[in-house]
N, C-alpha and C. Protein backbone atom coordinates (compact mmCIF):
# COMPACT_ATOMS: atom_id res chain seq x y z
N MET A 1 -12.77 88.80 159.92
CA MET A 1 -13.79 89.94 160.46
C MET A 1 -14.85 90.36 161.06
N ASN A 2 -15.18 90.57 161.65
CA ASN A 2 -15.75 90.79 162.79
C ASN A 2 -17.41 91.12 162.17
N GLU A 3 -18.41 90.64 161.98
CA GLU A 3 -19.21 90.49 161.61
C GLU A 3 -20.31 91.38 162.36
N GLN A 4 -21.22 92.42 162.26
CA GLN A 4 -22.09 93.09 163.09
C GLN A 4 -23.55 92.24 163.46
N GLN A 5 -23.78 92.01 164.39
CA GLN A 5 -25.13 91.06 164.58
C GLN A 5 -26.45 92.12 164.64
N ILE A 6 -26.95 92.07 163.99
CA ILE A 6 -28.38 93.06 164.20
C ILE A 6 -29.52 92.39 165.01
N ILE A 7 -29.70 92.49 166.01
CA ILE A 7 -31.57 92.16 166.84
C ILE A 7 -32.38 93.18 166.64
N GLU A 8 -33.49 92.58 166.40
CA GLU A 8 -34.67 93.19 166.54
C GLU A 8 -35.82 92.74 167.36
N THR A 9 -36.08 93.85 168.60
CA THR A 9 -37.17 93.73 169.45
C THR A 9 -38.33 94.35 169.09
N ILE A 10 -39.90 94.13 169.96
CA ILE A 10 -40.68 94.99 169.75
C ILE A 10 -40.86 95.64 171.07
N ASP A 11 -41.50 96.61 171.51
CA ASP A 11 -41.47 97.41 172.83
C ASP A 11 -42.75 96.94 172.98
N GLU A 12 -43.52 97.54 174.40
CA GLU A 12 -44.55 97.60 174.68
C GLU A 12 -45.69 98.56 173.96
N GLN A 13 -45.62 99.14 173.12
CA GLN A 13 -46.46 99.85 172.00
C GLN A 13 -46.02 99.40 170.69
N GLY A 14 -45.60 98.61 170.57
CA GLY A 14 -45.80 97.50 169.07
C GLY A 14 -44.50 98.20 168.15
N ASN A 15 -43.72 99.21 168.61
CA ASN A 15 -42.97 99.36 167.73
C ASN A 15 -41.68 98.47 167.50
N THR A 16 -40.68 98.51 166.71
CA THR A 16 -39.72 97.31 166.28
C THR A 16 -38.44 98.41 166.43
N ILE A 17 -37.50 98.15 167.34
CA ILE A 17 -36.57 98.45 167.93
C ILE A 17 -35.20 97.53 167.64
N ARG A 18 -34.29 98.33 166.64
CA ARG A 18 -33.28 97.32 166.20
C ARG A 18 -31.86 97.83 167.21
N PHE A 19 -31.62 96.68 167.56
CA PHE A 19 -30.07 96.40 168.35
C PHE A 19 -29.01 96.01 167.69
N GLU A 20 -27.74 96.31 167.75
CA GLU A 20 -26.61 95.71 167.41
C GLU A 20 -26.08 94.59 168.47
N LEU A 21 -26.02 93.66 168.48
CA LEU A 21 -25.23 92.57 169.86
C LEU A 21 -23.90 92.80 169.77
N VAL A 22 -23.83 93.34 171.38
CA VAL A 22 -22.61 93.71 171.63
C VAL A 22 -21.40 92.42 172.17
N ASP A 23 -22.46 91.70 172.97
CA ASP A 23 -21.67 90.68 173.48
C ASP A 23 -22.93 90.06 174.55
N VAL A 24 -22.38 88.64 174.98
CA VAL A 24 -23.26 88.24 175.44
C VAL A 24 -22.57 87.53 176.73
N VAL A 25 -22.93 87.75 177.92
CA VAL A 25 -22.41 87.16 179.37
C VAL A 25 -22.74 86.08 179.90
N GLU A 26 -22.46 85.48 180.52
CA GLU A 26 -23.21 84.50 181.34
C GLU A 26 -22.95 84.62 182.92
N PHE A 27 -23.92 84.93 183.98
CA PHE A 27 -23.75 85.68 185.18
C PHE A 27 -25.17 84.32 185.84
N GLU A 28 -24.31 83.84 186.88
CA GLU A 28 -25.13 82.85 187.72
C GLU A 28 -25.94 81.92 187.08
N ASP A 29 -25.50 81.07 186.49
CA ASP A 29 -25.93 80.18 184.99
C ASP A 29 -27.53 80.80 184.48
N GLN A 30 -27.37 82.24 184.08
CA GLN A 30 -27.94 83.08 183.23
C GLN A 30 -27.55 83.57 182.01
N GLU A 31 -27.96 83.78 180.72
CA GLU A 31 -27.29 84.67 179.81
C GLU A 31 -27.60 86.22 179.86
N TYR A 32 -26.95 86.81 179.37
CA TYR A 32 -27.44 88.22 178.76
C TYR A 32 -26.84 89.19 177.92
N ALA A 33 -27.25 89.53 177.34
CA ALA A 33 -26.93 90.52 176.16
C ALA A 33 -27.02 91.58 176.65
N LEU A 34 -25.59 92.25 175.65
CA LEU A 34 -25.62 93.77 175.84
C LEU A 34 -25.61 94.29 174.75
N LEU A 35 -26.94 94.83 174.50
CA LEU A 35 -27.16 95.65 173.21
C LEU A 35 -26.71 97.14 172.83
N PHE A 36 -26.77 97.74 171.73
CA PHE A 36 -26.28 98.71 171.33
C PHE A 36 -27.62 99.44 170.64
N PRO A 37 -28.08 100.37 171.04
CA PRO A 37 -29.55 101.10 170.09
C PRO A 37 -28.98 101.09 168.86
N GLU A 38 -29.15 100.66 167.80
CA GLU A 38 -29.20 101.58 166.34
C GLU A 38 -29.42 103.10 166.53
N GLU A 39 -30.72 103.22 166.57
CA GLU A 39 -30.93 104.48 166.39
C GLU A 39 -30.45 105.85 167.30
N ASN A 40 -29.67 104.79 168.44
CA ASN A 40 -28.58 106.36 168.99
C ASN A 40 -27.16 106.10 168.99
N LYS A 41 -26.75 106.12 167.67
CA LYS A 41 -25.57 106.23 167.58
C LYS A 41 -24.75 107.27 167.96
N GLU A 42 -25.30 108.36 167.90
CA GLU A 42 -24.36 109.41 168.33
C GLU A 42 -24.12 109.31 170.06
N ASN A 43 -24.84 108.69 170.71
CA ASN A 43 -24.85 108.45 172.36
C ASN A 43 -23.95 107.01 172.11
N GLU A 44 -22.59 107.10 172.30
CA GLU A 44 -21.81 105.59 172.18
C GLU A 44 -21.92 104.93 173.72
N ASP A 45 -22.29 105.55 174.82
CA ASP A 45 -22.26 105.08 175.84
C ASP A 45 -23.56 104.57 176.44
N GLU A 46 -24.59 104.63 175.59
CA GLU A 46 -25.88 103.88 176.00
C GLU A 46 -25.85 102.58 175.70
N LEU A 47 -26.11 101.50 176.50
CA LEU A 47 -26.09 99.89 176.06
C LEU A 47 -27.07 99.38 177.00
N VAL A 48 -28.02 98.74 176.58
CA VAL A 48 -29.24 98.24 176.98
C VAL A 48 -28.84 96.67 177.61
N LEU A 49 -29.12 96.33 178.98
CA LEU A 49 -29.17 94.93 179.36
C LEU A 49 -30.12 94.05 179.19
N MET A 50 -29.76 93.33 178.68
CA MET A 50 -31.41 92.29 178.49
C MET A 50 -31.07 90.71 178.87
N ARG A 51 -31.90 89.85 179.32
CA ARG A 51 -32.06 88.51 179.99
C ARG A 51 -31.81 88.05 178.48
N LEU A 52 -31.43 86.98 178.27
CA LEU A 52 -31.34 86.14 177.42
C LEU A 52 -31.87 84.70 177.38
N MET A 53 -33.13 84.30 176.71
CA MET A 53 -33.83 83.22 177.01
C MET A 53 -33.85 82.05 175.78
N LYS A 54 -33.38 80.99 175.73
CA LYS A 54 -33.48 80.04 174.75
C LYS A 54 -34.64 79.39 174.49
N ASP A 55 -35.59 79.50 173.29
CA ASP A 55 -36.96 79.08 173.16
C ASP A 55 -36.88 78.02 171.83
N GLY A 56 -36.71 77.13 172.14
CA GLY A 56 -36.15 76.02 171.18
C GLY A 56 -35.05 76.14 170.35
N GLU A 57 -34.85 76.71 169.16
CA GLU A 57 -33.48 77.14 168.46
C GLU A 57 -33.76 78.68 168.71
N ASP A 58 -34.79 79.24 169.23
CA ASP A 58 -34.69 80.58 168.78
C ASP A 58 -34.13 81.03 170.32
N TYR A 59 -33.79 82.74 170.49
CA TYR A 59 -33.71 83.44 171.36
C TYR A 59 -34.68 84.49 171.61
N LEU A 60 -34.64 84.72 172.94
CA LEU A 60 -35.58 85.45 173.57
C LEU A 60 -35.07 86.53 173.88
N PHE A 61 -35.14 87.60 173.96
CA PHE A 61 -34.68 88.85 174.86
C PHE A 61 -35.72 89.41 175.91
N GLU A 62 -35.37 89.68 176.72
CA GLU A 62 -36.22 89.84 178.08
C GLU A 62 -36.01 91.31 178.52
N THR A 63 -36.63 91.61 179.06
CA THR A 63 -36.22 93.34 179.86
C THR A 63 -36.19 92.75 181.48
N ILE A 64 -34.94 93.09 182.15
CA ILE A 64 -34.93 92.84 183.56
C ILE A 64 -35.99 93.38 184.12
N ASP A 65 -36.71 93.27 184.80
CA ASP A 65 -37.60 93.75 185.51
C ASP A 65 -37.29 94.04 187.09
N ASN A 66 -36.13 93.07 187.57
CA ASN A 66 -36.25 93.13 188.84
C ASN A 66 -34.81 93.94 189.14
N GLU A 67 -34.84 94.73 190.15
CA GLU A 67 -34.01 96.07 190.17
C GLU A 67 -32.29 95.30 190.65
N ASP A 68 -32.65 94.45 191.69
CA ASP A 68 -31.70 93.69 192.30
C ASP A 68 -31.17 92.48 191.22
N GLU A 69 -31.72 92.14 190.68
CA GLU A 69 -30.86 91.13 189.13
C GLU A 69 -30.07 92.48 188.40
N PHE A 70 -31.02 93.22 187.98
CA PHE A 70 -30.14 94.23 187.30
C PHE A 70 -29.01 94.95 187.54
N GLU A 71 -28.86 95.00 188.93
CA GLU A 71 -27.62 95.59 189.95
C GLU A 71 -26.41 95.01 189.51
N LYS A 72 -26.96 93.66 190.00
CA LYS A 72 -26.06 92.49 189.82
C LYS A 72 -25.67 92.13 188.60
N VAL A 73 -25.71 92.05 187.87
CA VAL A 73 -25.40 92.00 186.59
C VAL A 73 -24.59 92.89 185.91
N ALA A 74 -25.30 94.29 185.85
CA ALA A 74 -24.19 95.33 185.56
C ALA A 74 -22.99 95.38 186.57
N GLN A 75 -23.17 95.14 187.93
CA GLN A 75 -21.93 95.34 188.40
C GLN A 75 -20.80 94.05 187.70
N TYR A 76 -21.59 93.03 187.78
CA TYR A 76 -20.56 91.86 187.13
C TYR A 76 -19.63 92.37 185.89
N ILE A 77 -20.52 93.06 184.86
CA ILE A 77 -20.44 93.29 183.92
C ILE A 77 -19.13 94.19 183.84
N GLU A 78 -19.56 95.53 184.75
CA GLU A 78 -18.21 96.48 184.95
C GLU A 78 -17.22 95.70 185.28
N SER A 79 -17.11 95.25 186.41
CA SER A 79 -16.07 94.16 187.14
C SER A 79 -15.34 93.51 185.66
N LEU A 80 -16.04 93.07 184.92
CA LEU A 80 -15.18 92.62 183.95
C LEU A 80 -14.60 93.26 182.91
N ASP A 81 -15.05 94.35 182.41
CA ASP A 81 -14.56 95.71 181.83
C ASP A 81 -13.10 96.51 182.60
N ASP A 82 -13.16 96.20 184.23
CA ASP A 82 -12.20 96.63 184.75
C ASP A 82 -10.88 95.56 184.87
N GLU A 83 -11.29 94.48 184.50
CA GLU A 83 -10.27 93.66 184.27
C GLU A 83 -9.58 93.55 183.28
N ASP A 84 -10.58 93.87 181.78
CA ASP A 84 -10.02 93.95 180.46
C ASP A 84 -8.80 95.08 180.75
N GLU A 85 -9.10 96.61 181.24
CA GLU A 85 -8.48 97.39 181.19
C GLU A 85 -7.24 97.42 182.39
N GLU A 86 -7.43 96.15 182.86
CA GLU A 86 -5.49 96.12 184.01
C GLU A 86 -4.74 95.81 182.44
């Protein structure tokens, strides 16, 4: 049975946002999380990509502010999807 993992983060306005953890991928010695916003169940194409940082025993999800880093990771993930489809 594939158990759903729910992650809660706090946005800049202090609102709690719930995400379903879809996958964790490693790229250039850094882990990234693919998250699906729970409030957007009707738009299944919307995934959120965040940097995954370890803080002791806890994991922190960080927004990727660097556009180059975001694009590289997004392209890498898309290439993984393309391989899966073959």
